[in-house]
Amino acid sequence: MARPIKETPELFGRDAERFEKMISQPKPVSKEEKERARKAYEIMKSISNSQW
């Protein structure tokens, strides 16, 4: 049986400022990383049995 999901804590003060800055300025991703992620996705899609 699955465990219940806990509530997400709220961020205040410096933690909230740091989080907002971090998500507003994402790190650039290289072409190699994008291609590796795309290949992993295609592999997972090919072995999946479900119809979407």
N, C-alpha and C. Protein backbone atom coordinates (compact mmCIF):
# COMPACT_ATOMS: atom_id res chain seq x y z
N MET A 1 0.85 -1.17 0.00
CA MET A 1 0.00 0.00 0.00
C MET A 1 0.90 1.24 0.00
N ALA A 2 0.53 2.23 -0.78
CA ALA A 2 1.32 3.45 -0.89
C ALA A 2 1.18 4.31 0.36
N ARG A 3 2.24 5.03 0.65
CA ARG A 3 2.22 5.96 1.77
C ARG A 3 1.57 7.26 1.33
N PRO A 4 0.90 7.95 2.25
CA PRO A 4 0.30 9.24 1.87
C PRO A 4 1.40 10.27 1.57
N ILE A 5 1.09 11.16 0.66
CA ILE A 5 2.04 12.22 0.29
C ILE A 5 1.95 13.33 1.32
N LYS A 6 3.11 13.74 1.83
CA LYS A 6 3.15 14.82 2.82
C LYS A 6 2.95 16.17 2.13
N GLU A 7 2.49 17.13 2.89
CA GLU A 7 2.32 18.47 2.35
C GLU A 7 3.67 19.08 2.02
N THR A 8 3.71 19.88 0.98
CA THR A 8 4.94 20.56 0.59
C THR A 8 5.16 21.76 1.50
N PRO A 9 6.35 21.86 2.10
CA PRO A 9 6.59 22.99 2.99
C PRO A 9 6.69 24.30 2.21
N GLU A 10 6.29 25.39 2.84
CA GLU A 10 6.40 26.71 2.22
C GLU A 10 7.78 27.28 2.49
N LEU A 11 8.28 28.07 1.55
CA LEU A 11 9.57 28.72 1.72
C LEU A 11 9.36 30.19 2.07
N PHE A 12 10.19 30.68 2.98
CA PHE A 12 10.11 32.07 3.42
C PHE A 12 11.50 32.69 3.40
N GLY A 13 11.55 34.00 3.33
CA GLY A 13 12.80 34.75 3.47
C GLY A 13 13.83 34.43 2.41
N ARG A 14 15.07 34.24 2.85
CA ARG A 14 16.18 34.00 1.92
C ARG A 14 16.00 32.71 1.13
N ASP A 15 15.44 31.69 1.76
CA ASP A 15 15.21 30.44 1.04
C ASP A 15 14.29 30.66 -0.15
N ALA A 16 13.21 31.43 0.05
CA ALA A 16 12.27 31.71 -1.04
C ALA A 16 12.94 32.54 -2.13
N GLU A 17 13.73 33.53 -1.76
CA GLU A 17 14.43 34.36 -2.74
C GLU A 17 15.41 33.54 -3.55
N ARG A 18 16.17 32.69 -2.88
CA ARG A 18 17.15 31.84 -3.55
C ARG A 18 16.46 30.87 -4.52
N PHE A 19 15.35 30.27 -4.08
CA PHE A 19 14.62 29.34 -4.94
C PHE A 19 14.06 30.06 -6.17
N GLU A 20 13.47 31.23 -5.97
CA GLU A 20 12.92 31.98 -7.10
C GLU A 20 14.01 32.34 -8.10
N LYS A 21 15.17 32.77 -7.61
CA LYS A 21 16.28 33.11 -8.49
C LYS A 21 16.76 31.87 -9.24
N MET A 22 16.84 30.75 -8.55
CA MET A 22 17.33 29.51 -9.15
C MET A 22 16.41 29.03 -10.28
N ILE A 23 15.10 29.11 -10.09
CA ILE A 23 14.19 28.63 -11.14
C ILE A 23 14.01 29.63 -12.27
N SER A 24 14.30 30.90 -12.03
CA SER A 24 14.15 31.90 -13.09
C SER A 24 15.38 31.95 -14.00
N GLN A 25 16.50 31.37 -13.55
CA GLN A 25 17.73 31.37 -14.34
C GLN A 25 18.26 29.94 -14.46
N PRO A 26 17.62 29.09 -15.28
CA PRO A 26 18.07 27.71 -15.39
C PRO A 26 19.44 27.61 -16.04
N LYS A 27 20.17 26.56 -15.69
CA LYS A 27 21.48 26.33 -16.29
C LYS A 27 21.29 25.88 -17.74
N PRO A 28 22.17 26.34 -18.63
CA PRO A 28 22.05 25.91 -20.03
C PRO A 28 22.37 24.41 -20.15
N VAL A 29 21.71 23.77 -21.10
CA VAL A 29 21.90 22.34 -21.32
C VAL A 29 22.61 22.15 -22.65
N SER A 30 23.64 21.31 -22.66
CA SER A 30 24.41 21.09 -23.88
C SER A 30 23.63 20.23 -24.87
N LYS A 31 24.04 20.29 -26.13
CA LYS A 31 23.39 19.49 -27.16
C LYS A 31 23.55 18.00 -26.86
N GLU A 32 24.71 17.62 -26.30
CA GLU A 32 24.94 16.22 -25.98
C GLU A 32 23.97 15.72 -24.92
N GLU A 33 23.72 16.55 -23.91
CA GLU A 33 22.77 16.17 -22.86
C GLU A 33 21.35 16.04 -23.42
N LYS A 34 20.98 16.96 -24.30
CA LYS A 34 19.65 16.90 -24.92
C LYS A 34 19.51 15.62 -25.73
N GLU A 35 20.53 15.30 -26.51
CA GLU A 35 20.48 14.10 -27.34
C GLU A 35 20.44 12.84 -26.48
N ARG A 36 21.20 12.81 -25.42
CA ARG A 36 21.19 11.65 -24.51
C ARG A 36 19.81 11.47 -23.88
N ALA A 37 19.18 12.56 -23.47
CA ALA A 37 17.85 12.50 -22.88
C ALA A 37 16.83 12.04 -23.92
N ARG A 38 16.97 12.52 -25.16
CA ARG A 38 16.04 12.13 -26.23
C ARG A 38 16.17 10.63 -26.52
N LYS A 39 17.40 10.12 -26.54
CA LYS A 39 17.62 8.69 -26.78
C LYS A 39 17.03 7.85 -25.65
N ALA A 40 17.22 8.28 -24.42
CA ALA A 40 16.66 7.56 -23.27
C ALA A 40 15.14 7.56 -23.35
N TYR A 41 14.56 8.67 -23.75
CA TYR A 41 13.10 8.75 -23.90
C TYR A 41 12.62 7.78 -24.97
N GLU A 42 13.30 7.76 -26.10
CA GLU A 42 12.90 6.87 -27.20
C GLU A 42 13.00 5.41 -26.79
N ILE A 43 14.02 5.06 -26.03
CA ILE A 43 14.17 3.68 -25.54
C ILE A 43 13.02 3.33 -24.61
N MET A 44 12.72 4.21 -23.67
CA MET A 44 11.62 3.94 -22.74
C MET A 44 10.28 3.86 -23.48
N LYS A 45 10.10 4.71 -24.47
CA LYS A 45 8.87 4.69 -25.25
C LYS A 45 8.74 3.38 -26.03
N SER A 46 9.87 2.88 -26.54
CA SER A 46 9.82 1.66 -27.35
C SER A 46 9.53 0.42 -26.50
N ILE A 47 9.91 0.41 -25.23
CA ILE A 47 9.67 -0.76 -24.40
C ILE A 47 8.38 -0.66 -23.61
N SER A 48 7.73 0.48 -23.70
CA SER A 48 6.46 0.67 -23.00
C SER A 48 5.35 -0.11 -23.70
N ASN A 49 4.49 -0.72 -22.91
CA ASN A 49 3.38 -1.50 -23.48
C ASN A 49 2.09 -0.71 -23.58
N SER A 50 2.02 0.42 -22.91
CA SER A 50 0.75 1.16 -22.86
C SER A 50 0.53 1.97 -24.13
N GLN A 51 -0.73 2.10 -24.46
CA GLN A 51 -1.13 2.91 -25.61
C GLN A 51 -1.59 4.27 -25.09
N TRP A 52 -1.05 5.35 -25.61
CA TRP A 52 -1.44 6.68 -25.14
C TRP A 52 -2.40 7.29 -26.08
